[in-house]
Amino acid sequence: MSQTDSSASQAPLVIVGSGLAGYHVAREVRQRDAERPIMLVTQDSGDFYSKPLLSTAVAKQQTPEVLVQKTAGEMAAELNLIVRTSTRVESIDRVQRTLVIGHERQPWSQLVLATGAEPIRLPLAGSESVLLHSVNDLDDYRCFRNKLKPGDRVAVLGAGLVGVEFAHDLSQGGYPVDLVAPEAHLLPRLIPAPVAAPLEQALAEQGVRFHLGYSAEDAQATANGVTLGLCRGGGELNVQHLLGATGLKPRIRLAQAAGLHCERGICVDRQLRTSDPDIFALGDCAEIEGLNLMYVQPLMASARILAQVLTAMSSDVDESPSLHLQALPILVKTAICPIVAALPPAGVDGRWHFETLEQGVIGCYTDTRDTLQGFALSGQAVRKKAQLTRQLPPLLA
């Protein structure tokens, strides 16, 4: 055995990232192996919280401190692991099986990348003093919430899931909202226009002003906030804050620099293994058979499978678990008009059928054989979720 192999075999399992993915895989491994050394490395505080709750926290008047379920120290004690906070990993050395952290090299036996996703930054011309907020983690939420004052108007840039949820949350919390997006209707990548219409009406009745079909072009700081210019003759908006919500992209910088196979995300197989047999990825940063599943349910299922793989490797147990996922409907957290959708698989020919209820719309996507492949529900129609989900093909068979 070489010196490198010997040192790696004595090194801990190292997890990069302290979000839901990182902590859940640590918990799953610990349930199967009480003694294995585990180290979690994160560039933030390492406190454990539920990221999906960030887009409902303003209306509930929840402070960042309230959202923290356990501190990094409490998680370290509970799971018997080392948590290194405020620590930035600069690179991965696959030959020496180490992480480069400044002048330090941290060995690993197996490495798990749970680096999450980051906001897609919207290019805005204008004053450099204009702060374009995004809320992707607890620190972001703390910064944004500290800036908000009663009555402040917020321009939400983006009509996708994050933008719609924040527009709903802010308006529920008493803040006037302008929602700006180039698309023609809300949630365009998730649901068709007829299903989105009841949500748009409900939000409008709550005071949200829509500027659909326009993009934010420039922003100028003013004494009272920001003047936002819209393209194609959309005019100007005078607001106090800008909140960018134009989507997320997987964080793949470390993986790419290490020579791992990446497309949109870090490419992994059904065992969450990357192109390096001792490096794994899960959560928002991972791509499985072309799918980038940025939701809690597939994350939890991935953590369970990965824990089985990692503990089998460390104990020489012949175990070959593989990730399988049933259809996973997506819930949009807009209580004023609930939305549930299961996207049809890419490339499946078919068409949408709609049924309008007194308060809601049912949309069903069927293929050329009249087999259900996806659905979208709004308002009272969300009651059909379980019934329709049972008819869908699995996401990963």
Protein backbone atom coordinates (compact mmCIF):
# COMPACT_ATOMS: atom_id res chain seq x y z
CA MET A 1 0.00 0.00 0.00
CA SER A 2 1.35 3.44 -0.95
CA GLN A 3 1.71 6.24 1.58
CA THR A 4 -1.15 8.10 -0.12
CA ASP A 5 -3.44 5.07 0.06
CA SER A 6 -2.53 4.50 3.71
CA SER A 7 -3.19 8.07 4.77
CA ALA A 8 -6.47 8.15 2.80
CA SER A 9 -7.72 4.99 4.49
CA GLN A 10 -7.25 6.66 7.89
CA ALA A 11 -8.81 9.94 6.78
CA PRO A 12 -12.41 10.94 7.52
CA LEU A 13 -15.36 10.96 5.21
CA VAL A 14 -15.46 14.64 4.25
CA ILE A 15 -18.67 16.44 3.25
CA VAL A 16 -18.43 19.87 1.62
CA GLY A 17 -21.56 21.89 2.37
CA SER A 18 -23.80 22.33 5.42
CA GLY A 19 -27.22 22.64 3.84
CA LEU A 20 -29.97 20.04 3.98
CA ALA A 21 -28.01 17.73 1.67
CA GLY A 22 -24.78 17.83 3.66
CA TYR A 23 -26.35 17.31 7.07
CA HIS A 24 -28.82 14.67 5.89
CA VAL A 25 -26.15 12.46 4.37
CA ALA A 26 -24.09 12.85 7.57
CA ARG A 27 -27.10 11.80 9.62
CA GLU A 28 -27.84 8.81 7.38
CA VAL A 29 -24.22 7.62 7.52
CA ARG A 30 -24.12 8.02 11.29
CA GLN A 31 -27.25 5.91 11.69
CA ARG A 32 -25.48 3.07 9.89
CA ASP A 33 -22.00 3.58 11.34
CA ALA A 34 -21.61 5.10 14.81
CA GLU A 35 -17.82 5.32 14.76
CA ARG A 36 -16.66 6.38 11.33
CA PRO A 37 -14.84 9.75 11.37
CA ILE A 38 -16.87 12.39 9.54
CA MET A 39 -15.92 15.99 8.85
CA LEU A 40 -18.25 18.60 7.40
CA VAL A 41 -16.65 21.68 5.84
CA THR A 42 -18.68 24.82 5.15
CA GLN A 43 -17.93 28.40 4.24
CA ASP A 44 -20.88 29.70 6.29
CA SER A 45 -21.93 29.41 9.94
CA GLY A 46 -22.89 25.74 9.67
CA ASP A 47 -26.16 26.33 11.53
CA PHE A 48 -28.92 23.92 10.53
CA TYR A 49 -32.14 25.36 9.11
CA SER A 50 -34.68 24.50 6.43
CA LYS A 51 -33.98 26.52 3.30
CA PRO A 52 -37.55 26.17 1.91
CA LEU A 53 -38.79 28.17 4.92
CA LEU A 54 -36.90 31.27 3.77
CA SER A 55 -39.65 32.11 1.26
CA THR A 56 -42.39 32.10 3.92
CA ALA A 57 -40.55 33.84 6.76
CA VAL A 58 -41.38 37.52 6.17
CA ALA A 59 -45.14 37.12 6.55
CA LYS A 60 -44.60 35.04 9.69
CA GLN A 61 -42.25 37.74 11.05
CA GLN A 62 -39.56 35.13 11.66
CA THR A 63 -36.07 36.37 12.42
CA PRO A 64 -33.01 34.46 11.17
CA GLU A 65 -32.41 33.31 14.73
CA VAL A 66 -35.87 31.75 14.90
CA LEU A 67 -35.24 29.84 11.66
CA VAL A 68 -32.10 28.17 13.06
CA GLN A 69 -33.13 24.74 14.32
CA LYS A 70 -29.70 23.78 15.68
CA THR A 71 -26.33 25.48 15.77
CA ALA A 72 -23.26 23.98 14.13
CA GLY A 73 -21.97 23.00 17.57
CA GLU A 74 -25.20 21.22 18.40
CA MET A 75 -25.16 19.36 15.09
CA ALA A 76 -21.54 18.32 15.66
CA ALA A 77 -22.39 16.94 19.08
CA GLU A 78 -25.57 15.19 17.96
CA LEU A 79 -23.99 13.48 14.96
CA ASN A 80 -20.52 12.95 16.43
CA LEU A 81 -18.72 14.78 13.65
CA ILE A 82 -16.36 17.69 13.16
CA VAL A 83 -17.91 20.81 11.63
CA ARG A 84 -15.46 23.33 10.21
CA THR A 85 -17.29 26.63 9.74
CA SER A 86 -16.26 29.75 7.78
CA THR A 87 -13.88 27.54 5.81
CA ARG A 88 -13.51 27.94 2.06
CA VAL A 89 -12.31 24.97 0.04
CA GLU A 90 -10.08 26.25 -2.73
CA SER A 91 -9.62 23.04 -4.70
CA ILE A 92 -9.73 19.24 -4.71
CA ASP A 93 -6.54 17.25 -5.18
CA ARG A 94 -7.75 13.90 -6.52
CA VAL A 95 -4.27 12.37 -6.70
CA GLN A 96 -3.34 13.10 -3.09
CA ARG A 97 -6.99 12.77 -1.98
CA THR A 98 -6.97 16.06 -0.13
CA LEU A 99 -8.87 19.33 -0.02
CA VAL A 100 -6.79 22.46 -0.41
CA ILE A 101 -7.82 24.98 2.27
CA GLY A 102 -5.40 27.90 2.20
CA HIS A 103 -1.98 26.51 3.13
CA GLU A 104 -3.59 23.44 4.68
CA ARG A 105 -4.38 20.10 3.07
CA GLN A 106 -7.26 18.10 4.52
CA PRO A 107 -7.18 14.36 3.64
CA TRP A 108 -10.35 12.46 2.81
CA SER A 109 -11.19 8.79 2.42
CA GLN A 110 -14.34 9.52 0.42
CA LEU A 111 -15.55 12.97 -0.52
CA VAL A 112 -19.15 14.16 -0.78
CA LEU A 113 -19.95 17.40 -2.59
CA ALA A 114 -23.14 19.02 -1.29
CA THR A 115 -22.34 22.52 -2.50
CA GLY A 116 -25.90 23.46 -3.46
CA ALA A 117 -26.87 26.07 -6.02
CA GLU A 118 -26.36 29.79 -6.38
CA PRO A 119 -28.57 32.57 -7.79
CA ILE A 120 -28.29 33.46 -11.44
CA ARG A 121 -27.17 37.07 -11.36
CA LEU A 122 -29.19 39.49 -13.45
CA PRO A 123 -27.01 42.01 -15.34
CA LEU A 124 -28.33 45.48 -14.58
CA ALA A 125 -26.86 48.66 -15.99
CA GLY A 126 -26.74 51.74 -13.80
CA SER A 127 -25.48 52.77 -10.42
CA GLU A 128 -23.01 50.46 -8.70
CA SER A 129 -24.46 51.55 -5.37
CA VAL A 130 -27.76 49.76 -6.08
CA LEU A 131 -28.02 46.58 -4.04
CA LEU A 132 -29.69 43.70 -5.85
CA HIS A 133 -30.72 41.30 -3.10
CA SER A 134 -31.09 37.56 -3.51
CA VAL A 135 -32.21 35.22 -0.74
CA ASN A 136 -30.51 31.86 -1.15
CA ASP A 137 -29.36 31.20 2.41
CA LEU A 138 -29.80 32.38 5.98
CA ASP A 139 -27.19 35.14 5.69
CA ASP A 140 -28.94 36.48 2.58
CA TYR A 141 -32.26 36.49 4.42
CA ARG A 142 -30.69 38.29 7.38
CA CYS A 143 -29.30 41.02 5.11
CA PHE A 144 -32.57 41.47 3.22
CA ARG A 145 -34.77 41.46 6.31
CA ASN A 146 -32.57 44.00 8.08
CA LYS A 147 -33.05 46.40 5.16
CA LEU A 148 -36.85 46.08 5.06
CA LYS A 149 -38.86 48.82 6.75
CA PRO A 150 -42.65 48.94 7.14
CA GLY A 151 -44.29 50.02 3.91
CA ASP A 152 -41.20 49.55 1.72
CA ARG A 153 -42.02 48.63 -1.87
CA VAL A 154 -40.06 45.71 -3.32
CA ALA A 155 -39.51 44.87 -6.98
CA VAL A 156 -39.21 41.10 -7.39
CA LEU A 157 -37.34 40.25 -10.59
CA GLY A 158 -38.47 36.85 -11.83
CA ALA A 159 -41.74 34.93 -12.23
CA GLY A 160 -40.41 31.46 -11.43
CA LEU A 161 -40.98 29.45 -8.25
CA VAL A 162 -38.67 31.56 -6.05
CA GLY A 163 -39.93 34.88 -7.37
CA VAL A 164 -43.58 33.95 -7.00
CA GLU A 165 -43.12 32.57 -3.48
CA PHE A 166 -41.31 35.72 -2.33
CA ALA A 167 -43.86 38.00 -3.98
CA HIS A 168 -46.59 36.10 -2.12
CA ASP A 169 -44.69 36.17 1.18
CA LEU A 170 -43.87 39.88 1.01
CA SER A 171 -47.41 40.87 0.08
CA GLN A 172 -48.79 38.67 2.86
CA GLY A 173 -46.40 40.47 5.20
CA GLY A 174 -47.81 43.86 4.22
CA TYR A 175 -45.14 45.00 1.76
CA PRO A 176 -46.24 46.35 -1.64
CA VAL A 177 -44.72 44.32 -4.48
CA ASP A 178 -43.99 44.83 -8.18
CA LEU A 179 -43.19 41.59 -10.00
CA VAL A 180 -41.15 42.03 -13.19
CA ALA A 181 -40.47 39.23 -15.67
CA PRO A 182 -40.07 38.86 -19.46
CA GLU A 183 -42.44 35.88 -19.60
CA ALA A 184 -46.15 36.18 -20.33
CA HIS A 185 -47.41 34.39 -17.20
CA LEU A 186 -46.31 33.19 -13.77
CA LEU A 187 -44.31 29.98 -13.28
CA PRO A 188 -43.76 29.53 -17.04
CA ARG A 189 -41.33 26.59 -16.69
CA LEU A 190 -43.61 24.76 -14.28
CA ILE A 191 -47.24 25.27 -15.31
CA PRO A 192 -49.17 26.40 -18.41
CA ALA A 193 -50.91 29.78 -18.54
CA PRO A 194 -54.50 28.61 -17.78
CA VAL A 195 -53.35 27.03 -14.50
CA ALA A 196 -51.35 30.12 -13.57
CA ALA A 197 -54.26 32.52 -14.14
CA PRO A 198 -56.04 31.97 -10.77
CA LEU A 199 -52.76 32.55 -8.90
CA GLU A 200 -52.08 35.77 -10.79
CA GLN A 201 -55.61 36.98 -10.04
CA ALA A 202 -55.29 36.13 -6.33
CA LEU A 203 -51.96 37.92 -6.01
CA ALA A 204 -53.30 40.95 -7.89
CA GLU A 205 -56.24 41.14 -5.50
CA GLN A 206 -53.71 41.08 -2.67
CA GLY A 207 -51.99 44.13 -4.19
CA VAL A 208 -49.15 42.68 -6.26
CA ARG A 209 -48.55 44.70 -9.43
CA PHE A 210 -47.43 42.70 -12.44
CA HIS A 211 -45.08 43.83 -15.21
CA LEU A 212 -45.03 40.71 -17.35
CA GLY A 213 -43.43 40.81 -20.78
CA TYR A 214 -40.75 43.25 -19.57
CA SER A 215 -37.18 42.82 -18.34
CA ALA A 216 -35.32 45.00 -15.87
CA GLU A 217 -32.81 47.00 -17.87
CA ASP A 218 -31.13 49.45 -15.50
CA ALA A 219 -31.29 50.68 -11.92
CA GLN A 220 -30.40 54.05 -10.46
CA ALA A 221 -30.04 54.82 -6.77
CA THR A 222 -32.30 57.61 -5.51
CA ALA A 223 -32.72 59.37 -2.18
CA ASN A 224 -35.72 57.16 -1.47
CA GLY A 225 -34.52 53.86 -2.91
CA VAL A 226 -34.18 52.76 -6.53
CA THR A 227 -35.58 53.73 -9.91
CA LEU A 228 -35.82 50.60 -12.05
CA GLY A 229 -36.01 51.00 -15.81
CA LEU A 230 -37.86 48.39 -17.86
CA CYS A 231 -37.01 47.48 -21.43
CA ARG A 232 -39.22 47.86 -24.52
CA GLY A 233 -41.03 50.95 -23.27
CA GLY A 234 -42.08 49.44 -19.97
CA GLY A 235 -41.44 52.69 -18.13
CA GLU A 236 -39.88 53.08 -14.68
CA LEU A 237 -40.64 51.76 -11.23
CA ASN A 238 -39.79 53.59 -8.02
CA VAL A 239 -39.14 51.09 -5.24
CA GLN A 240 -37.08 50.79 -2.07
CA HIS A 241 -35.56 47.35 -2.75
CA LEU A 242 -34.73 44.97 -5.60
CA LEU A 243 -34.99 41.23 -5.06
CA GLY A 244 -33.47 39.07 -7.78
CA ALA A 245 -35.22 35.73 -8.32
CA THR A 246 -34.28 34.72 -11.84
CA GLY A 247 -33.35 31.15 -11.01
CA LEU A 248 -30.56 29.02 -9.56
CA LYS A 249 -27.60 27.23 -11.08
CA PRO A 250 -25.70 24.33 -9.49
CA ARG A 251 -22.39 25.20 -7.82
CA ILE A 252 -19.94 23.13 -9.81
CA ARG A 253 -16.73 25.22 -9.64
CA LEU A 254 -14.84 22.81 -7.37
CA ALA A 255 -15.91 19.77 -9.37
CA GLN A 256 -15.07 21.33 -12.73
CA ALA A 257 -11.64 22.48 -11.56
CA ALA A 258 -10.95 18.94 -10.30
CA GLY A 259 -11.73 17.49 -13.73
CA LEU A 260 -14.99 15.79 -12.75
CA HIS A 261 -17.60 15.34 -15.45
CA CYS A 262 -20.10 18.19 -15.28
CA GLU A 263 -22.92 19.33 -17.50
CA ARG A 264 -25.50 21.63 -15.93
CA GLY A 265 -24.66 19.98 -12.60
CA ILE A 266 -22.06 17.52 -11.31
CA CYS A 267 -22.91 14.32 -13.19
CA VAL A 268 -23.53 11.30 -10.95
CA ASP A 269 -24.88 7.79 -11.40
CA ARG A 270 -27.70 6.10 -9.48
CA GLN A 271 -25.30 5.65 -6.54
CA LEU A 272 -24.51 9.39 -6.52
CA ARG A 273 -20.95 8.60 -7.68
CA THR A 274 -19.17 11.12 -9.89
CA SER A 275 -16.64 10.28 -12.60
CA ASP A 276 -14.17 9.70 -9.72
CA PRO A 277 -15.18 6.50 -7.84
CA ASP A 278 -14.38 8.04 -4.43
CA ILE A 279 -16.14 11.37 -4.94
CA PHE A 280 -19.92 11.73 -4.68
CA ALA A 281 -22.43 14.55 -5.09
CA LEU A 282 -26.06 15.09 -4.12
CA GLY A 283 -28.64 17.80 -3.76
CA ASP A 284 -28.91 20.95 -5.83
CA CYS A 285 -25.40 20.62 -7.27
CA ALA A 286 -25.91 17.10 -8.70
CA GLU A 287 -27.25 15.97 -12.07
CA ILE A 288 -28.67 12.45 -12.37
CA GLU A 289 -29.33 11.15 -15.88
CA GLY A 290 -29.87 14.67 -17.13
CA LEU A 291 -32.09 15.66 -14.19
CA ASN A 292 -31.18 18.44 -11.77
CA LEU A 293 -33.67 17.91 -8.94
CA MET A 294 -33.59 20.96 -6.65
CA TYR A 295 -36.22 19.72 -4.22
CA VAL A 296 -36.29 18.18 -0.75
CA GLN A 297 -37.81 14.77 -1.56
CA PRO A 298 -35.15 13.63 -4.06
CA LEU A 299 -32.48 15.06 -1.75
CA MET A 300 -33.66 12.89 1.15
CA ALA A 301 -33.87 9.79 -1.04
CA SER A 302 -30.37 10.48 -2.40
CA ALA A 303 -28.96 10.85 1.12
CA ARG A 304 -30.30 7.44 2.13
CA ILE A 305 -28.86 5.69 -0.94
CA LEU A 306 -25.51 7.46 -0.62
CA ALA A 307 -25.21 6.47 3.05
CA GLN A 308 -25.71 2.83 2.06
CA VAL A 309 -23.02 3.14 -0.61
CA LEU A 310 -20.52 4.86 1.68
CA THR A 311 -20.96 2.47 4.60
CA ALA A 312 -20.73 -0.55 2.28
CA MET A 313 -17.43 0.79 0.90
CA SER A 314 -15.95 1.29 4.36
CA SER A 315 -17.00 -2.14 5.66
CA ASP A 316 -16.40 -4.27 2.54
CA VAL A 317 -20.08 -5.24 2.53
CA ASP A 318 -21.36 -6.37 -0.86
CA GLU A 319 -24.24 -3.94 -1.27
CA SER A 320 -25.31 -2.26 -4.48
CA PRO A 321 -28.12 0.18 -3.73
CA SER A 322 -29.45 2.33 -6.55
CA LEU A 323 -31.56 5.47 -6.55
CA HIS A 324 -35.16 5.09 -7.72
CA LEU A 325 -37.65 7.94 -7.61
CA GLN A 326 -41.39 7.91 -8.07
CA ALA A 327 -43.11 10.92 -9.59
CA LEU A 328 -42.46 13.97 -7.41
CA PRO A 329 -45.06 16.73 -7.63
CA ILE A 330 -43.76 20.21 -6.81
CA LEU A 331 -45.67 22.30 -4.29
CA VAL A 332 -45.53 26.07 -4.69
CA LYS A 333 -45.92 27.76 -1.30
CA THR A 334 -48.64 30.28 -2.20
CA ALA A 335 -51.37 29.74 0.37
CA ILE A 336 -53.60 32.37 -1.24
CA CYS A 337 -53.87 30.06 -4.27
CA PRO A 338 -52.02 26.72 -3.89
CA ILE A 339 -50.17 25.28 -6.88
CA VAL A 340 -49.03 21.68 -7.39
CA ALA A 341 -47.33 20.45 -10.57
CA ALA A 342 -45.59 17.40 -11.95
CA LEU A 343 -43.72 18.25 -15.10
CA PRO A 344 -44.08 15.88 -18.05
CA PRO A 345 -40.76 14.25 -19.05
CA ALA A 346 -38.73 16.18 -21.58
CA GLY A 347 -39.26 15.03 -25.15
CA VAL A 348 -42.60 13.30 -24.57
CA ASP A 349 -45.05 14.27 -27.31
CA GLY A 350 -48.50 15.11 -26.09
CA ARG A 351 -50.84 17.94 -25.22
CA TRP A 352 -52.47 19.70 -22.28
CA HIS A 353 -56.14 19.33 -21.37
CA PHE A 354 -57.78 21.80 -18.99
CA GLU A 355 -60.82 21.75 -16.74
CA THR A 356 -61.88 24.95 -15.02
CA LEU A 357 -63.44 24.64 -11.57
CA GLU A 358 -65.24 27.31 -9.58
CA GLN A 359 -61.98 28.06 -7.74
CA GLY A 360 -59.07 26.53 -9.62
CA VAL A 361 -57.91 24.78 -12.76
CA ILE A 362 -56.92 21.18 -13.52
CA GLY A 363 -54.32 20.71 -16.24
CA CYS A 364 -53.39 17.20 -17.42
CA TYR A 365 -50.67 16.40 -19.96
CA THR A 366 -51.28 13.18 -21.89
CA ASP A 367 -49.08 11.54 -24.52
CA THR A 368 -50.13 10.25 -27.95
CA ARG A 369 -51.49 7.07 -26.30
CA ASP A 370 -53.62 9.16 -23.93
CA THR A 371 -51.41 8.17 -20.96
CA LEU A 372 -51.00 10.77 -18.21
CA GLN A 373 -47.43 12.13 -18.19
CA GLY A 374 -47.80 15.27 -16.06
CA PHE A 375 -50.25 17.60 -14.40
CA ALA A 376 -50.64 21.13 -13.04
CA LEU A 377 -53.25 22.14 -10.46
CA SER A 378 -54.25 25.48 -8.96
CA GLY A 379 -56.65 26.51 -6.21
CA GLN A 380 -59.09 23.84 -5.04
CA ALA A 381 -57.87 21.54 -7.81
CA VAL A 382 -54.80 20.64 -5.70
CA ARG A 383 -57.06 18.11 -3.99
CA LYS A 384 -56.49 15.92 -7.07
CA LYS A 385 -52.76 15.68 -6.38
CA ALA A 386 -52.64 12.19 -4.83
CA GLN A 387 -55.04 10.69 -7.35
CA LEU A 388 -53.10 12.01 -10.35
CA THR A 389 -49.67 11.26 -8.90
CA ARG A 390 -50.53 7.56 -8.67
CA GLN A 391 -51.11 7.52 -12.42
CA LEU A 392 -47.73 8.99 -13.36
CA PRO A 393 -44.69 6.99 -14.51
CA PRO A 394 -41.70 6.98 -12.14
CA LEU A 395 -39.15 9.76 -12.41
CA LEU A 396 -36.23 7.31 -12.16
CA ALA A 397 -37.48 3.76 -12.66
